[in-house]
Amino acid sequence: MPPTREQFDAQVKRLQAEVSRARAVDLSLLHSALVKAEAMTGHPAWDGFLQQCQARLDAAMAEREMWDQRMRMAFQDSDLRMAQANWHIQNSRVDTLNEIMELPRRVIETARKELTQE
């Protein structure tokens, strides 16, 4: 038997509330992620950039772990393929964000080396 209009509306409200809570958590993470001390540059603009990248990295790592769990629990080939594809997407994000987060330090180190060689 299909759901009544009231049941449907109640389910939509529950889903909207969940999405709103998840977005609030995502936004708070984007503003407050802790960056490893060795990655910090000491420049406020670079360090703010690193905090935003760190939040995205943390989210990608959590998402990758979730897809890893789904791969282990997949019963059908289609579910396994979907989980594998999404795991690879998140793994690529993790790798890319790690590389991006190394760039500010590398730029500063390269600039210091070049300035001291002259």
N, C-alpha and C. Protein backbone atom coordinates (compact mmCIF):
# COMPACT_ATOMS: atom_id res chain seq x y z
N MET A 1 0.85 -1.17 0.00
CA MET A 1 0.00 0.00 0.00
C MET A 1 0.90 1.24 0.00
N PRO A 2 0.66 2.18 -0.89
CA PRO A 2 1.48 3.39 -0.95
C PRO A 2 1.27 4.26 0.29
N PRO A 3 2.24 5.11 0.60
CA PRO A 3 2.09 5.97 1.77
C PRO A 3 1.02 7.03 1.53
N THR A 4 0.45 7.48 2.63
CA THR A 4 -0.52 8.58 2.54
C THR A 4 0.23 9.88 2.32
N ARG A 5 -0.49 10.92 1.99
CA ARG A 5 0.13 12.24 1.78
C ARG A 5 0.81 12.72 3.06
N GLU A 6 0.18 12.46 4.20
CA GLU A 6 0.75 12.88 5.48
C GLU A 6 2.06 12.13 5.76
N GLN A 7 2.09 10.83 5.47
CA GLN A 7 3.31 10.06 5.67
C GLN A 7 4.43 10.55 4.74
N PHE A 8 4.06 10.83 3.50
CA PHE A 8 5.03 11.33 2.54
C PHE A 8 5.60 12.68 3.01
N ASP A 9 4.72 13.60 3.41
CA ASP A 9 5.16 14.91 3.88
C ASP A 9 6.05 14.79 5.12
N ALA A 10 5.69 13.89 6.02
CA ALA A 10 6.49 13.69 7.23
C ALA A 10 7.89 13.17 6.86
N GLN A 11 7.95 12.24 5.92
CA GLN A 11 9.25 11.70 5.49
C GLN A 11 10.09 12.78 4.82
N VAL A 12 9.50 13.60 3.99
CA VAL A 12 10.22 14.70 3.33
C VAL A 12 10.78 15.66 4.37
N LYS A 13 9.99 15.99 5.39
CA LYS A 13 10.47 16.89 6.45
C LYS A 13 11.63 16.27 7.21
N ARG A 14 11.56 14.98 7.49
CA ARG A 14 12.66 14.30 8.19
C ARG A 14 13.94 14.35 7.35
N LEU A 15 13.80 14.07 6.06
CA LEU A 15 14.97 14.09 5.18
C LEU A 15 15.55 15.49 5.07
N GLN A 16 14.71 16.50 4.97
CA GLN A 16 15.19 17.88 4.90
C GLN A 16 15.92 18.27 6.18
N ALA A 17 15.41 17.82 7.32
CA ALA A 17 16.07 18.12 8.59
C ALA A 17 17.44 17.46 8.66
N GLU A 18 17.54 16.22 8.17
CA GLU A 18 18.83 15.52 8.15
C GLU A 18 19.83 16.24 7.25
N VAL A 19 19.38 16.66 6.08
CA VAL A 19 20.25 17.38 5.15
C VAL A 19 20.72 18.70 5.77
N SER A 20 19.82 19.40 6.43
CA SER A 20 20.17 20.67 7.07
C SER A 20 21.22 20.46 8.17
N ARG A 21 21.05 19.41 8.96
CA ARG A 21 22.03 19.11 10.02
C ARG A 21 23.37 18.76 9.41
N ALA A 22 23.37 17.96 8.36
CA ALA A 22 24.62 17.57 7.71
C ALA A 22 25.32 18.79 7.12
N ARG A 23 24.58 19.68 6.51
CA ARG A 23 25.19 20.90 5.94
C ARG A 23 25.78 21.77 7.03
N ALA A 24 25.09 21.88 8.15
CA ALA A 24 25.59 22.70 9.26
C ALA A 24 26.91 22.13 9.77
N VAL A 25 26.99 20.81 9.88
CA VAL A 25 28.23 20.17 10.31
C VAL A 25 29.32 20.40 9.27
N ASP A 26 29.00 20.23 7.99
CA ASP A 26 29.98 20.46 6.93
C ASP A 26 30.51 21.88 6.97
N LEU A 27 29.64 22.86 7.12
CA LEU A 27 30.06 24.25 7.15
C LEU A 27 30.92 24.55 8.37
N SER A 28 30.57 23.97 9.50
CA SER A 28 31.38 24.21 10.69
C SER A 28 32.76 23.57 10.53
N LEU A 29 32.83 22.42 9.88
CA LEU A 29 34.13 21.80 9.63
C LEU A 29 34.99 22.64 8.71
N LEU A 30 34.37 23.25 7.72
CA LEU A 30 35.13 24.06 6.79
C LEU A 30 35.78 25.25 7.48
N HIS A 31 35.23 25.69 8.58
CA HIS A 31 35.76 26.86 9.25
C HIS A 31 36.66 26.51 10.44
N SER A 32 36.70 25.25 10.84
CA SER A 32 37.42 24.95 12.08
C SER A 32 38.33 23.73 12.00
N ALA A 33 38.70 23.29 10.83
CA ALA A 33 39.55 22.11 10.73
C ALA A 33 40.95 22.42 11.24
N LEU A 34 41.50 21.47 11.98
CA LEU A 34 42.86 21.63 12.49
C LEU A 34 43.85 21.09 11.48
N VAL A 35 44.88 21.86 11.24
CA VAL A 35 45.91 21.47 10.28
C VAL A 35 47.14 21.05 11.06
N LYS A 36 47.84 20.03 10.55
CA LYS A 36 49.07 19.60 11.20
C LYS A 36 50.06 20.76 11.28
N ALA A 37 50.78 20.84 12.36
CA ALA A 37 51.69 21.96 12.59
C ALA A 37 52.75 22.07 11.49
N GLU A 38 53.24 20.93 10.99
CA GLU A 38 54.29 20.99 9.98
C GLU A 38 53.79 21.54 8.64
N ALA A 39 52.48 21.54 8.45
CA ALA A 39 51.93 22.08 7.20
C ALA A 39 51.70 23.58 7.27
N MET A 40 51.63 24.12 8.48
CA MET A 40 51.35 25.54 8.65
C MET A 40 52.50 26.39 8.11
N THR A 41 52.13 27.52 7.56
CA THR A 41 53.14 28.39 6.95
C THR A 41 53.45 29.62 7.78
N GLY A 42 52.58 29.96 8.70
CA GLY A 42 52.76 31.18 9.47
C GLY A 42 52.14 32.40 8.81
N HIS A 43 51.67 32.23 7.60
CA HIS A 43 51.00 33.34 6.90
C HIS A 43 49.49 33.11 7.02
N PRO A 44 48.75 34.09 7.54
CA PRO A 44 47.31 33.89 7.79
C PRO A 44 46.52 33.46 6.56
N ALA A 45 46.82 33.99 5.40
CA ALA A 45 46.06 33.63 4.20
C ALA A 45 46.31 32.17 3.82
N TRP A 46 47.59 31.77 3.82
CA TRP A 46 47.91 30.38 3.49
C TRP A 46 47.32 29.43 4.54
N ASP A 47 47.41 29.82 5.82
CA ASP A 47 46.91 28.93 6.87
C ASP A 47 45.39 28.79 6.82
N GLY A 48 44.70 29.86 6.45
CA GLY A 48 43.24 29.76 6.26
C GLY A 48 42.90 28.84 5.11
N PHE A 49 43.67 28.94 4.03
CA PHE A 49 43.50 28.05 2.89
C PHE A 49 43.72 26.60 3.32
N LEU A 50 44.76 26.36 4.12
CA LEU A 50 45.04 25.01 4.58
C LEU A 50 43.93 24.46 5.47
N GLN A 51 43.33 25.31 6.28
CA GLN A 51 42.22 24.86 7.12
C GLN A 51 41.03 24.41 6.27
N GLN A 52 40.75 25.16 5.22
CA GLN A 52 39.66 24.76 4.33
C GLN A 52 39.98 23.46 3.62
N CYS A 53 41.21 23.31 3.17
CA CYS A 53 41.62 22.06 2.52
C CYS A 53 41.56 20.89 3.50
N GLN A 54 41.98 21.13 4.73
CA GLN A 54 41.97 20.07 5.75
C GLN A 54 40.55 19.58 6.00
N ALA A 55 39.60 20.50 6.04
CA ALA A 55 38.20 20.10 6.25
C ALA A 55 37.72 19.22 5.10
N ARG A 56 38.08 19.62 3.89
CA ARG A 56 37.70 18.81 2.72
C ARG A 56 38.41 17.46 2.73
N LEU A 57 39.67 17.45 3.17
CA LEU A 57 40.42 16.20 3.26
C LEU A 57 39.78 15.27 4.28
N ASP A 58 39.42 15.80 5.44
CA ASP A 58 38.77 14.98 6.47
C ASP A 58 37.47 14.38 5.95
N ALA A 59 36.69 15.20 5.23
CA ALA A 59 35.42 14.72 4.68
C ALA A 59 35.66 13.63 3.63
N ALA A 60 36.66 13.83 2.77
CA ALA A 60 36.96 12.84 1.73
C ALA A 60 37.44 11.53 2.35
N MET A 61 38.24 11.63 3.41
CA MET A 61 38.72 10.41 4.07
C MET A 61 37.56 9.66 4.72
N ALA A 62 36.64 10.37 5.33
CA ALA A 62 35.48 9.73 5.94
C ALA A 62 34.61 9.08 4.86
N GLU A 63 34.43 9.79 3.76
CA GLU A 63 33.63 9.26 2.64
C GLU A 63 34.30 8.02 2.06
N ARG A 64 35.62 8.06 1.91
CA ARG A 64 36.36 6.90 1.39
C ARG A 64 36.19 5.70 2.32
N GLU A 65 36.24 5.94 3.62
CA GLU A 65 36.06 4.85 4.59
C GLU A 65 34.65 4.27 4.50
N MET A 66 33.65 5.14 4.29
CA MET A 66 32.28 4.68 4.16
C MET A 66 32.13 3.78 2.93
N TRP A 67 32.74 4.19 1.80
CA TRP A 67 32.66 3.38 0.59
C TRP A 67 33.45 2.09 0.75
N ASP A 68 34.52 2.12 1.52
CA ASP A 68 35.28 0.90 1.81
C ASP A 68 34.40 -0.10 2.55
N GLN A 69 33.66 0.39 3.53
CA GLN A 69 32.74 -0.48 4.28
C GLN A 69 31.64 -1.03 3.36
N ARG A 70 31.14 -0.18 2.47
CA ARG A 70 30.08 -0.63 1.55
C ARG A 70 30.62 -1.69 0.59
N MET A 71 31.88 -1.57 0.19
CA MET A 71 32.47 -2.62 -0.67
C MET A 71 32.48 -3.95 0.05
N ARG A 72 32.82 -3.92 1.32
CA ARG A 72 32.90 -5.16 2.11
C ARG A 72 31.54 -5.80 2.33
N MET A 73 30.49 -4.97 2.33
CA MET A 73 29.15 -5.48 2.61
C MET A 73 28.31 -5.68 1.36
N ALA A 74 28.88 -5.46 0.18
CA ALA A 74 28.11 -5.58 -1.06
C ALA A 74 27.76 -7.04 -1.34
N PHE A 75 26.51 -7.26 -1.69
CA PHE A 75 26.05 -8.61 -2.03
C PHE A 75 25.90 -8.80 -3.53
N GLN A 76 25.70 -7.72 -4.23
CA GLN A 76 25.51 -7.81 -5.68
C GLN A 76 26.68 -7.14 -6.38
N ASP A 77 26.97 -7.63 -7.59
CA ASP A 77 28.07 -7.06 -8.37
C ASP A 77 27.87 -5.58 -8.65
N SER A 78 26.65 -5.19 -8.92
CA SER A 78 26.39 -3.77 -9.23
C SER A 78 26.69 -2.89 -8.01
N ASP A 79 26.34 -3.37 -6.82
CA ASP A 79 26.64 -2.62 -5.60
C ASP A 79 28.15 -2.53 -5.37
N LEU A 80 28.84 -3.61 -5.63
CA LEU A 80 30.29 -3.63 -5.46
C LEU A 80 30.95 -2.67 -6.44
N ARG A 81 30.53 -2.69 -7.69
CA ARG A 81 31.12 -1.79 -8.69
C ARG A 81 30.86 -0.32 -8.34
N MET A 82 29.66 -0.02 -7.87
CA MET A 82 29.35 1.35 -7.49
C MET A 82 30.22 1.78 -6.30
N ALA A 83 30.36 0.90 -5.32
CA ALA A 83 31.18 1.22 -4.15
C ALA A 83 32.65 1.38 -4.55
N GLN A 84 33.14 0.53 -5.43
CA GLN A 84 34.53 0.64 -5.89
C GLN A 84 34.77 1.95 -6.62
N ALA A 85 33.86 2.30 -7.50
CA ALA A 85 34.01 3.55 -8.26
C ALA A 85 34.02 4.75 -7.32
N ASN A 86 33.11 4.76 -6.37
CA ASN A 86 33.06 5.88 -5.43
C ASN A 86 34.26 5.90 -4.50
N TRP A 87 34.76 4.73 -4.12
CA TRP A 87 35.98 4.67 -3.30
C TRP A 87 37.14 5.30 -4.07
N HIS A 88 37.27 4.96 -5.35
CA HIS A 88 38.37 5.51 -6.15
C HIS A 88 38.23 7.03 -6.31
N ILE A 89 37.02 7.51 -6.44
CA ILE A 89 36.80 8.95 -6.53
C ILE A 89 37.28 9.63 -5.25
N GLN A 90 36.87 9.10 -4.12
CA GLN A 90 37.27 9.70 -2.84
C GLN A 90 38.77 9.55 -2.59
N ASN A 91 39.34 8.43 -3.00
CA ASN A 91 40.77 8.23 -2.83
C ASN A 91 41.55 9.25 -3.67
N SER A 92 41.07 9.53 -4.86
CA SER A 92 41.70 10.56 -5.70
C SER A 92 41.60 11.93 -5.05
N ARG A 93 40.46 12.21 -4.44
CA ARG A 93 40.31 13.49 -3.72
C ARG A 93 41.30 13.58 -2.57
N VAL A 94 41.46 12.49 -1.83
CA VAL A 94 42.41 12.48 -0.71
C VAL A 94 43.82 12.76 -1.22
N ASP A 95 44.22 12.05 -2.27
CA ASP A 95 45.57 12.25 -2.83
C ASP A 95 45.76 13.68 -3.32
N THR A 96 44.78 14.20 -4.04
CA THR A 96 44.87 15.55 -4.59
C THR A 96 44.94 16.59 -3.48
N LEU A 97 44.09 16.45 -2.47
CA LEU A 97 44.10 17.42 -1.37
C LEU A 97 45.41 17.36 -0.59
N ASN A 98 45.97 16.17 -0.42
CA ASN A 98 47.28 16.07 0.24
C ASN A 98 48.34 16.82 -0.55
N GLU A 99 48.33 16.66 -1.85
CA GLU A 99 49.29 17.37 -2.69
C GLU A 99 49.08 18.88 -2.63
N ILE A 100 47.83 19.30 -2.68
CA ILE A 100 47.52 20.73 -2.61
C ILE A 100 48.00 21.32 -1.29
N MET A 101 47.82 20.58 -0.21
CA MET A 101 48.21 21.10 1.10
C MET A 101 49.72 21.20 1.26
N GLU A 102 50.48 20.47 0.47
CA GLU A 102 51.93 20.57 0.52
C GLU A 102 52.44 21.78 -0.26
N LEU A 103 51.66 22.28 -1.19
CA LEU A 103 52.11 23.36 -2.07
C LEU A 103 52.52 24.64 -1.34
N PRO A 104 51.73 25.18 -0.41
CA PRO A 104 52.16 26.43 0.24
C PRO A 104 53.54 26.31 0.89
N ARG A 105 53.77 25.23 1.60
CA ARG A 105 55.08 25.03 2.25
C ARG A 105 56.18 24.95 1.21
N ARG A 106 55.93 24.22 0.14
CA ARG A 106 56.93 24.09 -0.93
C ARG A 106 57.21 25.43 -1.61
N VAL A 107 56.17 26.21 -1.84
CA VAL A 107 56.35 27.53 -2.46
C VAL A 107 57.23 28.40 -1.57
N ILE A 108 56.93 28.43 -0.28
CA ILE A 108 57.71 29.25 0.65
C ILE A 108 59.15 28.75 0.75
N GLU A 109 59.34 27.43 0.84
CA GLU A 109 60.69 26.88 0.92
C GLU A 109 61.50 27.19 -0.34
N THR A 110 60.87 27.04 -1.49
CA THR A 110 61.55 27.34 -2.75
C THR A 110 61.94 28.81 -2.83
N ALA A 111 61.01 29.67 -2.42
CA ALA A 111 61.31 31.11 -2.44
C ALA A 111 62.46 31.44 -1.51
N ARG A 112 62.48 30.85 -0.32
CA ARG A 112 63.58 31.11 0.62
C ARG A 112 64.92 30.62 0.06
N LYS A 113 64.92 29.45 -0.56
CA LYS A 113 66.16 28.92 -1.14
C LYS A 113 66.66 29.83 -2.24
N GLU A 114 65.76 30.27 -3.09
CA GLU A 114 66.17 31.14 -4.20
C GLU A 114 66.66 32.49 -3.73
N LEU A 115 66.04 33.00 -2.68
CA LEU A 115 66.47 34.30 -2.13
C LEU A 115 67.82 34.21 -1.45
N THR A 116 68.14 33.08 -0.82
CA THR A 116 69.41 32.95 -0.12
C THR A 116 70.55 32.59 -1.08
N GLN A 117 70.26 32.11 -2.26
CA GLN A 117 71.29 31.75 -3.23
C GLN A 117 71.80 32.98 -3.99
N GLU A 118 71.05 34.03 -4.02
CA GLU A 118 71.45 35.22 -4.79
C GLU A 118 72.50 36.02 -4.10
